[in-house]
Amino acid sequence: MGGVTYLDLSNPRVQEVQHAMQYTDWLRVLASPRTYQAMARTPTREHLLTLHDRYLPYARSKHALKEQQGYACFNVDEERREALADRLRTLLETWTPPELTPEIVDTARQLLKAEGDTSSPPEEWDAASWESPGHDPGAPPEDYLLWPEGIPAILKGKWPPNT
């Protein structure tokens, strides 16, 4: 996800940034078949569509509308992000879990790139594993993803780490 350069906490639309952050974790999983296949739990199409629909207002946000939105992003290809978010929505509508299609993987990767995500170069996605600062290195990736009941690591009291 690109960075947020402007944030008006009094604007109710600021929650769109939180929704985007939660969905970006899922995008990273969809972009990495190895990580997805390592998960003991598979998301339903309906769950991912719900999260995607909450992400769409952010994906359609424009820097020029920062006052109305309550936030603005930098390092983002706005037009490409919006088009790819719409494409991924269409792909998820017809997706039959548990297998990830190459189109979903590719679109998730492109969407992360349009978002300004530089955490993994495209050539490393297939080899990517779930490791992130602040996460228990031995924990499964699904512990840090938003599920209908919440984020398991938070529910288990394992995250955020005590500092």
N, C-alpha and C. Protein backbone atom coordinates (compact mmCIF):
# COMPACT_ATOMS: atom_id res chain seq x y z
N MET A 1 0.85 -1.17 0.00
CA MET A 1 0.00 0.00 0.00
C MET A 1 0.89 1.23 0.00
N GLY A 2 0.53 2.20 -0.81
CA GLY A 2 1.26 3.45 -0.82
C GLY A 2 1.09 4.16 0.51
N GLY A 3 1.79 5.23 0.69
CA GLY A 3 1.70 5.94 1.95
C GLY A 3 0.56 6.93 1.96
N VAL A 4 0.13 7.28 3.14
CA VAL A 4 -0.92 8.28 3.32
C VAL A 4 -0.23 9.57 3.72
N THR A 5 -0.44 10.64 2.93
CA THR A 5 0.23 11.91 3.19
C THR A 5 -0.65 12.89 3.95
N TYR A 6 -1.93 12.63 3.98
CA TYR A 6 -2.87 13.54 4.63
C TYR A 6 -3.92 12.69 5.30
N LEU A 7 -4.21 12.96 6.56
CA LEU A 7 -5.18 12.18 7.30
C LEU A 7 -5.95 13.09 8.24
N ASP A 8 -7.24 13.22 8.01
CA ASP A 8 -8.12 14.02 8.86
C ASP A 8 -8.94 13.06 9.71
N LEU A 9 -8.53 12.86 10.94
CA LEU A 9 -9.17 11.87 11.80
C LEU A 9 -10.61 12.20 12.15
N SER A 10 -11.05 13.43 11.91
CA SER A 10 -12.44 13.79 12.18
C SER A 10 -13.36 13.41 11.02
N ASN A 11 -12.79 13.03 9.90
CA ASN A 11 -13.59 12.66 8.73
C ASN A 11 -13.97 11.18 8.83
N PRO A 12 -15.27 10.86 8.74
CA PRO A 12 -15.68 9.46 8.86
C PRO A 12 -15.12 8.55 7.76
N ARG A 13 -14.71 9.11 6.65
CA ARG A 13 -14.18 8.29 5.56
C ARG A 13 -12.76 7.80 5.83
N VAL A 14 -12.15 8.26 6.92
CA VAL A 14 -10.81 7.82 7.27
C VAL A 14 -10.77 6.30 7.48
N GLN A 15 -11.89 5.71 7.86
CA GLN A 15 -11.93 4.26 8.05
C GLN A 15 -11.60 3.51 6.76
N GLU A 16 -11.72 4.17 5.62
CA GLU A 16 -11.36 3.54 4.35
C GLU A 16 -9.88 3.15 4.33
N VAL A 17 -9.05 3.92 5.00
CA VAL A 17 -7.62 3.61 5.08
C VAL A 17 -7.42 2.32 5.87
N GLN A 18 -8.13 2.17 6.97
CA GLN A 18 -8.04 0.94 7.77
C GLN A 18 -8.50 -0.26 6.95
N HIS A 19 -9.61 -0.11 6.24
CA HIS A 19 -10.09 -1.21 5.39
C HIS A 19 -9.05 -1.59 4.35
N ALA A 20 -8.40 -0.59 3.78
CA ALA A 20 -7.37 -0.85 2.76
C ALA A 20 -6.19 -1.60 3.37
N MET A 21 -5.79 -1.22 4.57
CA MET A 21 -4.66 -1.90 5.21
C MET A 21 -5.01 -3.37 5.48
N GLN A 22 -6.21 -3.62 5.94
CA GLN A 22 -6.63 -5.00 6.20
C GLN A 22 -6.69 -5.82 4.91
N TYR A 23 -7.16 -5.21 3.86
CA TYR A 23 -7.28 -5.94 2.60
C TYR A 23 -5.92 -6.12 1.92
N THR A 24 -5.00 -5.19 2.13
CA THR A 24 -3.67 -5.31 1.54
C THR A 24 -2.97 -6.58 2.02
N ASP A 25 -3.18 -6.96 3.27
CA ASP A 25 -2.62 -8.23 3.75
C ASP A 25 -3.17 -9.39 2.92
N TRP A 26 -4.45 -9.35 2.62
CA TRP A 26 -5.05 -10.40 1.79
C TRP A 26 -4.51 -10.34 0.37
N LEU A 27 -4.30 -9.14 -0.17
CA LEU A 27 -3.73 -9.02 -1.52
C LEU A 27 -2.36 -9.69 -1.58
N ARG A 28 -1.56 -9.51 -0.54
CA ARG A 28 -0.23 -10.14 -0.51
C ARG A 28 -0.35 -11.67 -0.53
N VAL A 29 -1.35 -12.20 0.13
CA VAL A 29 -1.58 -13.66 0.11
C VAL A 29 -2.04 -14.10 -1.28
N LEU A 30 -2.96 -13.35 -1.88
CA LEU A 30 -3.44 -13.70 -3.22
C LEU A 30 -2.33 -13.60 -4.26
N ALA A 31 -1.37 -12.73 -4.01
CA ALA A 31 -0.25 -12.54 -4.94
C ALA A 31 0.84 -13.60 -4.77
N SER A 32 0.77 -14.37 -3.71
CA SER A 32 1.81 -15.36 -3.41
C SER A 32 1.19 -16.74 -3.25
N PRO A 33 1.13 -17.51 -4.33
CA PRO A 33 0.54 -18.85 -4.24
C PRO A 33 1.17 -19.72 -3.15
N ARG A 34 2.45 -19.56 -2.95
CA ARG A 34 3.13 -20.36 -1.92
C ARG A 34 2.55 -20.06 -0.53
N THR A 35 2.36 -18.80 -0.24
CA THR A 35 1.78 -18.42 1.05
C THR A 35 0.34 -18.92 1.14
N TYR A 36 -0.43 -18.71 0.09
CA TYR A 36 -1.83 -19.13 0.08
C TYR A 36 -1.95 -20.64 0.31
N GLN A 37 -1.12 -21.41 -0.36
CA GLN A 37 -1.17 -22.87 -0.24
C GLN A 37 -0.70 -23.35 1.13
N ALA A 38 0.10 -22.56 1.81
CA ALA A 38 0.60 -22.94 3.14
C ALA A 38 -0.45 -22.73 4.23
N MET A 39 -1.52 -22.03 3.91
CA MET A 39 -2.54 -21.74 4.91
C MET A 39 -3.38 -22.98 5.19
N ALA A 40 -3.69 -23.19 6.45
CA ALA A 40 -4.53 -24.33 6.85
C ALA A 40 -6.00 -24.02 6.64
N ARG A 41 -6.30 -22.78 6.39
CA ARG A 41 -7.69 -22.32 6.26
C ARG A 41 -7.82 -21.56 4.95
N THR A 42 -8.90 -21.78 4.24
CA THR A 42 -9.13 -21.11 2.97
C THR A 42 -10.26 -20.10 3.12
N PRO A 43 -10.08 -18.89 2.60
CA PRO A 43 -11.17 -17.92 2.68
C PRO A 43 -12.30 -18.29 1.71
N THR A 44 -13.49 -17.89 2.06
CA THR A 44 -14.60 -18.07 1.13
C THR A 44 -14.59 -16.92 0.12
N ARG A 45 -15.22 -17.15 -0.99
CA ARG A 45 -15.37 -16.08 -1.99
C ARG A 45 -16.12 -14.91 -1.36
N GLU A 46 -17.16 -15.21 -0.60
CA GLU A 46 -17.98 -14.16 0.00
C GLU A 46 -17.17 -13.29 0.96
N HIS A 47 -16.29 -13.93 1.73
CA HIS A 47 -15.47 -13.16 2.67
C HIS A 47 -14.54 -12.20 1.92
N LEU A 48 -13.86 -12.71 0.89
CA LEU A 48 -12.95 -11.85 0.13
C LEU A 48 -13.72 -10.76 -0.60
N LEU A 49 -14.91 -11.06 -1.10
CA LEU A 49 -15.71 -10.03 -1.76
C LEU A 49 -16.14 -8.94 -0.77
N THR A 50 -16.48 -9.34 0.45
CA THR A 50 -16.85 -8.36 1.47
C THR A 50 -15.68 -7.42 1.76
N LEU A 51 -14.49 -8.01 1.95
CA LEU A 51 -13.31 -7.19 2.21
C LEU A 51 -12.96 -6.33 1.00
N HIS A 52 -13.10 -6.90 -0.18
CA HIS A 52 -12.79 -6.15 -1.40
C HIS A 52 -13.75 -4.96 -1.55
N ASP A 53 -15.02 -5.19 -1.29
CA ASP A 53 -15.99 -4.10 -1.40
C ASP A 53 -15.71 -2.98 -0.39
N ARG A 54 -15.19 -3.34 0.78
CA ARG A 54 -14.81 -2.31 1.76
C ARG A 54 -13.56 -1.57 1.31
N TYR A 55 -12.73 -2.21 0.51
CA TYR A 55 -11.49 -1.62 -0.02
C TYR A 55 -11.76 -0.69 -1.20
N LEU A 56 -12.82 -0.96 -1.97
CA LEU A 56 -13.06 -0.22 -3.22
C LEU A 56 -13.12 1.30 -3.06
N PRO A 57 -13.77 1.87 -2.04
CA PRO A 57 -13.74 3.34 -1.93
C PRO A 57 -12.31 3.89 -1.85
N TYR A 58 -11.44 3.19 -1.14
CA TYR A 58 -10.04 3.60 -1.06
C TYR A 58 -9.38 3.46 -2.43
N ALA A 59 -9.63 2.35 -3.11
CA ALA A 59 -9.03 2.11 -4.43
C ALA A 59 -9.47 3.16 -5.43
N ARG A 60 -10.63 3.74 -5.22
CA ARG A 60 -11.15 4.77 -6.13
C ARG A 60 -10.85 6.18 -5.64
N SER A 61 -10.14 6.30 -4.54
CA SER A 61 -9.84 7.62 -3.99
C SER A 61 -8.87 8.39 -4.90
N LYS A 62 -8.94 9.70 -4.80
CA LYS A 62 -8.10 10.59 -5.61
C LYS A 62 -7.42 11.60 -4.70
N HIS A 63 -6.16 11.83 -4.99
CA HIS A 63 -5.40 12.82 -4.21
C HIS A 63 -6.09 14.18 -4.26
N ALA A 64 -6.65 14.53 -5.40
CA ALA A 64 -7.30 15.83 -5.57
C ALA A 64 -8.54 15.98 -4.68
N LEU A 65 -9.08 14.88 -4.17
CA LEU A 65 -10.29 14.93 -3.33
C LEU A 65 -9.97 14.70 -1.85
N LYS A 66 -8.75 14.99 -1.45
CA LYS A 66 -8.32 14.67 -0.09
C LYS A 66 -9.18 15.31 0.99
N GLU A 67 -9.68 16.50 0.77
CA GLU A 67 -10.51 17.17 1.78
C GLU A 67 -11.82 16.42 1.99
N GLN A 68 -12.44 15.96 0.91
CA GLN A 68 -13.70 15.21 1.00
C GLN A 68 -13.48 13.82 1.61
N GLN A 69 -12.38 13.18 1.23
CA GLN A 69 -12.10 11.82 1.67
C GLN A 69 -11.57 11.75 3.09
N GLY A 70 -10.85 12.79 3.49
CA GLY A 70 -10.21 12.78 4.79
C GLY A 70 -8.82 12.16 4.75
N TYR A 71 -8.34 11.82 3.57
CA TYR A 71 -7.01 11.24 3.42
C TYR A 71 -6.54 11.41 1.98
N ALA A 72 -5.24 11.29 1.80
CA ALA A 72 -4.65 11.31 0.47
C ALA A 72 -3.46 10.37 0.47
N CYS A 73 -3.23 9.73 -0.65
CA CYS A 73 -2.14 8.76 -0.78
C CYS A 73 -1.07 9.30 -1.71
N PHE A 74 0.15 8.81 -1.53
CA PHE A 74 1.23 9.14 -2.45
C PHE A 74 1.82 7.84 -2.97
N ASN A 75 2.61 7.95 -4.03
CA ASN A 75 3.27 6.80 -4.63
C ASN A 75 2.25 5.78 -5.15
N VAL A 76 1.13 6.28 -5.67
CA VAL A 76 0.04 5.42 -6.14
C VAL A 76 -0.32 5.81 -7.57
N ASP A 77 -0.53 4.81 -8.41
CA ASP A 77 -1.05 5.03 -9.75
C ASP A 77 -2.57 4.92 -9.65
N GLU A 78 -3.24 6.06 -9.43
CA GLU A 78 -4.68 6.08 -9.13
C GLU A 78 -5.53 5.40 -10.20
N GLU A 79 -5.30 5.73 -11.46
CA GLU A 79 -6.13 5.16 -12.53
C GLU A 79 -5.93 3.66 -12.64
N ARG A 80 -4.68 3.24 -12.59
CA ARG A 80 -4.38 1.80 -12.70
C ARG A 80 -4.91 1.04 -11.48
N ARG A 81 -4.76 1.63 -10.30
CA ARG A 81 -5.26 0.99 -9.08
C ARG A 81 -6.76 0.76 -9.18
N GLU A 82 -7.50 1.77 -9.61
CA GLU A 82 -8.95 1.63 -9.71
C GLU A 82 -9.34 0.57 -10.72
N ALA A 83 -8.71 0.58 -11.89
CA ALA A 83 -9.02 -0.40 -12.93
C ALA A 83 -8.70 -1.82 -12.46
N LEU A 84 -7.56 -2.00 -11.80
CA LEU A 84 -7.18 -3.33 -11.32
C LEU A 84 -8.07 -3.79 -10.18
N ALA A 85 -8.49 -2.89 -9.32
CA ALA A 85 -9.41 -3.25 -8.23
C ALA A 85 -10.74 -3.72 -8.81
N ASP A 86 -11.22 -3.04 -9.84
CA ASP A 86 -12.46 -3.47 -10.50
C ASP A 86 -12.28 -4.82 -11.18
N ARG A 87 -11.13 -5.02 -11.81
CA ARG A 87 -10.85 -6.31 -12.46
C ARG A 87 -10.78 -7.44 -11.44
N LEU A 88 -10.11 -7.20 -10.33
CA LEU A 88 -10.01 -8.24 -9.30
C LEU A 88 -11.38 -8.57 -8.73
N ARG A 89 -12.22 -7.57 -8.58
CA ARG A 89 -13.59 -7.83 -8.09
C ARG A 89 -14.31 -8.77 -9.03
N THR A 90 -14.20 -8.52 -10.32
CA THR A 90 -14.84 -9.38 -11.32
C THR A 90 -14.29 -10.80 -11.24
N LEU A 91 -12.99 -10.93 -11.08
CA LEU A 91 -12.37 -12.27 -10.98
C LEU A 91 -12.82 -12.99 -9.72
N LEU A 92 -12.93 -12.28 -8.61
CA LEU A 92 -13.35 -12.90 -7.36
C LEU A 92 -14.81 -13.33 -7.41
N GLU A 93 -15.64 -12.60 -8.16
CA GLU A 93 -17.05 -12.96 -8.28
C GLU A 93 -17.24 -14.35 -8.87
N THR A 94 -16.36 -14.75 -9.76
CA THR A 94 -16.51 -16.04 -10.43
C THR A 94 -15.53 -17.09 -9.92
N TRP A 95 -14.76 -16.76 -8.90
CA TRP A 95 -13.75 -17.65 -8.35
C TRP A 95 -14.40 -18.78 -7.56
N THR A 96 -13.85 -19.97 -7.71
CA THR A 96 -14.28 -21.12 -6.93
C THR A 96 -13.10 -21.58 -6.08
N PRO A 97 -13.11 -21.26 -4.78
CA PRO A 97 -12.03 -21.71 -3.91
C PRO A 97 -11.99 -23.25 -3.87
N PRO A 98 -10.88 -23.85 -3.55
CA PRO A 98 -9.74 -23.24 -2.91
C PRO A 98 -8.63 -22.83 -3.86
N GLU A 99 -8.66 -23.22 -5.12
CA GLU A 99 -7.54 -22.94 -6.03
C GLU A 99 -7.51 -21.47 -6.44
N LEU A 100 -6.31 -20.89 -6.44
CA LEU A 100 -6.12 -19.54 -6.96
C LEU A 100 -5.89 -19.63 -8.46
N THR A 101 -6.55 -18.79 -9.21
CA THR A 101 -6.31 -18.77 -10.65
C THR A 101 -5.10 -17.90 -10.95
N PRO A 102 -4.40 -18.18 -12.05
CA PRO A 102 -3.28 -17.32 -12.44
C PRO A 102 -3.72 -15.87 -12.62
N GLU A 103 -4.95 -15.66 -13.08
CA GLU A 103 -5.45 -14.29 -13.29
C GLU A 103 -5.59 -13.54 -11.96
N ILE A 104 -6.07 -14.23 -10.93
CA ILE A 104 -6.19 -13.59 -9.61
C ILE A 104 -4.81 -13.26 -9.08
N VAL A 105 -3.88 -14.20 -9.18
CA VAL A 105 -2.51 -13.97 -8.70
C VAL A 105 -1.89 -12.77 -9.41
N ASP A 106 -1.98 -12.76 -10.73
CA ASP A 106 -1.37 -11.68 -11.52
C ASP A 106 -2.03 -10.33 -11.22
N THR A 107 -3.34 -10.30 -11.12
CA THR A 107 -4.04 -9.05 -10.86
C THR A 107 -3.73 -8.54 -9.46
N ALA A 108 -3.64 -9.42 -8.48
CA ALA A 108 -3.27 -9.01 -7.12
C ALA A 108 -1.86 -8.41 -7.11
N ARG A 109 -0.94 -9.02 -7.83
CA ARG A 109 0.43 -8.50 -7.91
C ARG A 109 0.45 -7.12 -8.56
N GLN A 110 -0.28 -6.99 -9.67
CA GLN A 110 -0.33 -5.70 -10.36
C GLN A 110 -0.97 -4.63 -9.48
N LEU A 111 -2.01 -5.01 -8.75
CA LEU A 111 -2.69 -4.06 -7.87
C LEU A 111 -1.77 -3.60 -6.75
N LEU A 112 -1.02 -4.52 -6.17
CA LEU A 112 -0.05 -4.12 -5.14
C LEU A 112 0.98 -3.15 -5.72
N LYS A 113 1.43 -3.43 -6.93
CA LYS A 113 2.40 -2.53 -7.57
C LYS A 113 1.78 -1.15 -7.81
N ALA A 114 0.53 -1.11 -8.29
CA ALA A 114 -0.15 0.17 -8.51
C ALA A 114 -0.35 0.92 -7.20
N GLU A 115 -0.46 0.17 -6.10
CA GLU A 115 -0.60 0.77 -4.76
C GLU A 115 0.71 1.35 -4.25
N GLY A 116 1.80 1.05 -4.95
CA GLY A 116 3.10 1.53 -4.51
C GLY A 116 3.80 0.57 -3.58
N ASP A 117 3.30 -0.66 -3.48
CA ASP A 117 3.91 -1.67 -2.61
C ASP A 117 5.21 -2.16 -3.24
N THR A 118 6.29 -1.95 -2.54
CA THR A 118 7.60 -2.38 -3.04
C THR A 118 8.22 -3.41 -2.09
N SER A 119 7.40 -4.05 -1.26
CA SER A 119 7.93 -4.99 -0.28
C SER A 119 8.56 -6.22 -0.92
N SER A 120 8.08 -6.63 -2.07
CA SER A 120 8.66 -7.77 -2.78
C SER A 120 8.68 -7.47 -4.27
N PRO A 121 9.84 -7.58 -4.89
CA PRO A 121 9.89 -7.41 -6.34
C PRO A 121 9.06 -8.52 -7.01
N PRO A 122 8.44 -8.23 -8.15
CA PRO A 122 7.58 -9.21 -8.81
C PRO A 122 8.22 -10.58 -9.01
N GLU A 123 9.51 -10.61 -9.30
CA GLU A 123 10.16 -11.90 -9.55
C GLU A 123 10.30 -12.74 -8.28
N GLU A 124 10.06 -12.14 -7.12
CA GLU A 124 10.19 -12.89 -5.86
C GLU A 124 8.86 -13.38 -5.31
N TRP A 125 7.74 -13.03 -5.94
CA TRP A 125 6.45 -13.40 -5.38
C TRP A 125 6.27 -14.90 -5.25
N ASP A 126 6.72 -15.66 -6.23
CA ASP A 126 6.51 -17.10 -6.17
C ASP A 126 7.31 -17.75 -5.05
N ALA A 127 8.38 -17.12 -4.65
CA ALA A 127 9.21 -17.67 -3.58
C ALA A 127 8.90 -17.02 -2.23
N ALA A 128 8.00 -16.07 -2.23
CA ALA A 128 7.72 -15.31 -1.01
C ALA A 128 7.17 -16.21 0.09
N SER A 129 7.56 -15.91 1.30
CA SER A 129 6.99 -16.58 2.45
C SER A 129 6.43 -15.51 3.37
N TRP A 130 5.62 -15.92 4.30
CA TRP A 130 4.96 -14.97 5.18
C TRP A 130 5.89 -14.60 6.33
N GLU A 131 6.56 -13.50 6.21
CA GLU A 131 7.38 -12.98 7.29
C GLU A 131 7.18 -11.48 7.31
N SER A 132 6.84 -10.97 8.46
CA SER A 132 6.58 -9.55 8.57
C SER A 132 7.02 -9.07 9.94
N PRO A 133 7.57 -7.86 10.03
CA PRO A 133 8.00 -7.35 11.33
C PRO A 133 6.85 -7.35 12.33
N GLY A 134 7.13 -7.79 13.53
CA GLY A 134 6.11 -7.80 14.57
C GLY A 134 5.28 -9.06 14.60
N HIS A 135 5.40 -9.90 13.58
CA HIS A 135 4.66 -11.16 13.55
C HIS A 135 5.53 -12.27 14.10
N ASP A 136 4.92 -13.21 14.77
CA ASP A 136 5.63 -14.40 15.26
C ASP A 136 6.11 -15.18 14.05
N PRO A 137 7.43 -15.37 13.89
CA PRO A 137 7.94 -16.03 12.69
C PRO A 137 7.42 -17.46 12.50
N GLY A 138 7.00 -18.11 13.57
CA GLY A 138 6.49 -19.47 13.43
C GLY A 138 4.99 -19.54 13.25
N ALA A 139 4.32 -18.41 13.31
CA ALA A 139 2.86 -18.40 13.21
C ALA A 139 2.41 -18.55 11.77
N PRO A 140 1.30 -19.22 11.55
CA PRO A 140 0.79 -19.34 10.19
C PRO A 140 0.27 -17.99 9.69
N PRO A 141 0.32 -17.77 8.38
CA PRO A 141 -0.11 -16.48 7.85
C PRO A 141 -1.55 -16.14 8.20
N GLU A 142 -2.41 -17.15 8.28
CA GLU A 142 -3.82 -16.86 8.54
C GLU A 142 -4.06 -16.25 9.91
N ASP A 143 -3.09 -16.36 10.83
CA ASP A 143 -3.24 -15.74 12.15
C ASP A 143 -3.23 -14.22 12.08
N TYR A 144 -2.69 -13.64 11.02
CA TYR A 144 -2.56 -12.18 10.92
C TYR A 144 -3.48 -11.57 9.86
N LEU A 145 -4.41 -12.37 9.37
CA LEU A 145 -5.36 -11.89 8.37
C LEU A 145 -6.72 -11.66 9.01
N LEU A 146 -7.50 -10.74 8.43
CA LEU A 146 -8.84 -10.47 8.93
C LEU A 146 -9.80 -11.53 8.41
N TRP A 147 -10.44 -12.22 9.32
CA TRP A 147 -11.46 -13.24 9.04
C TRP A 147 -12.79 -12.71 9.57
N PRO A 148 -13.90 -13.37 9.27
CA PRO A 148 -15.19 -12.88 9.78
C PRO A 148 -15.22 -12.69 11.30
N GLU A 149 -14.53 -13.54 12.04
CA GLU A 149 -14.54 -13.43 13.49
C GLU A 149 -13.47 -12.49 14.04
N GLY A 150 -12.60 -11.98 13.18
CA GLY A 150 -11.54 -11.07 13.60
C GLY A 150 -10.17 -11.57 13.16
N ILE A 151 -9.13 -11.03 13.74
CA ILE A 151 -7.76 -11.43 13.43
C ILE A 151 -7.31 -12.39 14.54
N PRO A 152 -7.08 -13.67 14.20
CA PRO A 152 -6.76 -14.67 15.22
C PRO A 152 -5.64 -14.28 16.18
N ALA A 153 -4.57 -13.68 15.69
CA ALA A 153 -3.46 -13.32 16.58
C ALA A 153 -3.90 -12.32 17.63
N ILE A 154 -4.79 -11.42 17.29
CA ILE A 154 -5.31 -10.45 18.26
C ILE A 154 -6.25 -11.15 19.22
N LEU A 155 -7.13 -12.00 18.68
CA LEU A 155 -8.08 -12.72 19.53
C LEU A 155 -7.37 -13.63 20.53
N LYS A 156 -6.22 -14.15 20.15
CA LYS A 156 -5.43 -15.03 21.03
C LYS A 156 -4.50 -14.24 21.96
N GLY A 157 -4.49 -12.91 21.82
CA GLY A 157 -3.63 -12.07 22.64
C GLY A 157 -2.16 -12.15 22.27
N LYS A 158 -1.87 -12.56 21.03
CA LYS A 158 -0.48 -12.71 20.59
C LYS A 158 0.03 -11.52 19.77
N TRP A 159 -0.85 -10.58 19.48
CA TRP A 159 -0.46 -9.47 18.64
C TRP A 159 -1.33 -8.28 18.97
N PRO A 160 -0.87 -7.08 18.99
CA PRO A 160 0.51 -6.69 18.69
C PRO A 160 1.46 -7.14 19.80
N PRO A 161 2.74 -7.25 19.45
CA PRO A 161 3.71 -7.71 20.44
C PRO A 161 3.87 -6.69 21.56
N ASN A 162 4.19 -7.17 22.73
CA ASN A 162 4.47 -6.27 23.86
C ASN A 162 5.83 -5.64 23.64
N THR A 163 5.88 -4.33 23.71
CA THR A 163 7.16 -3.64 23.53
C THR A 163 7.49 -2.83 24.75
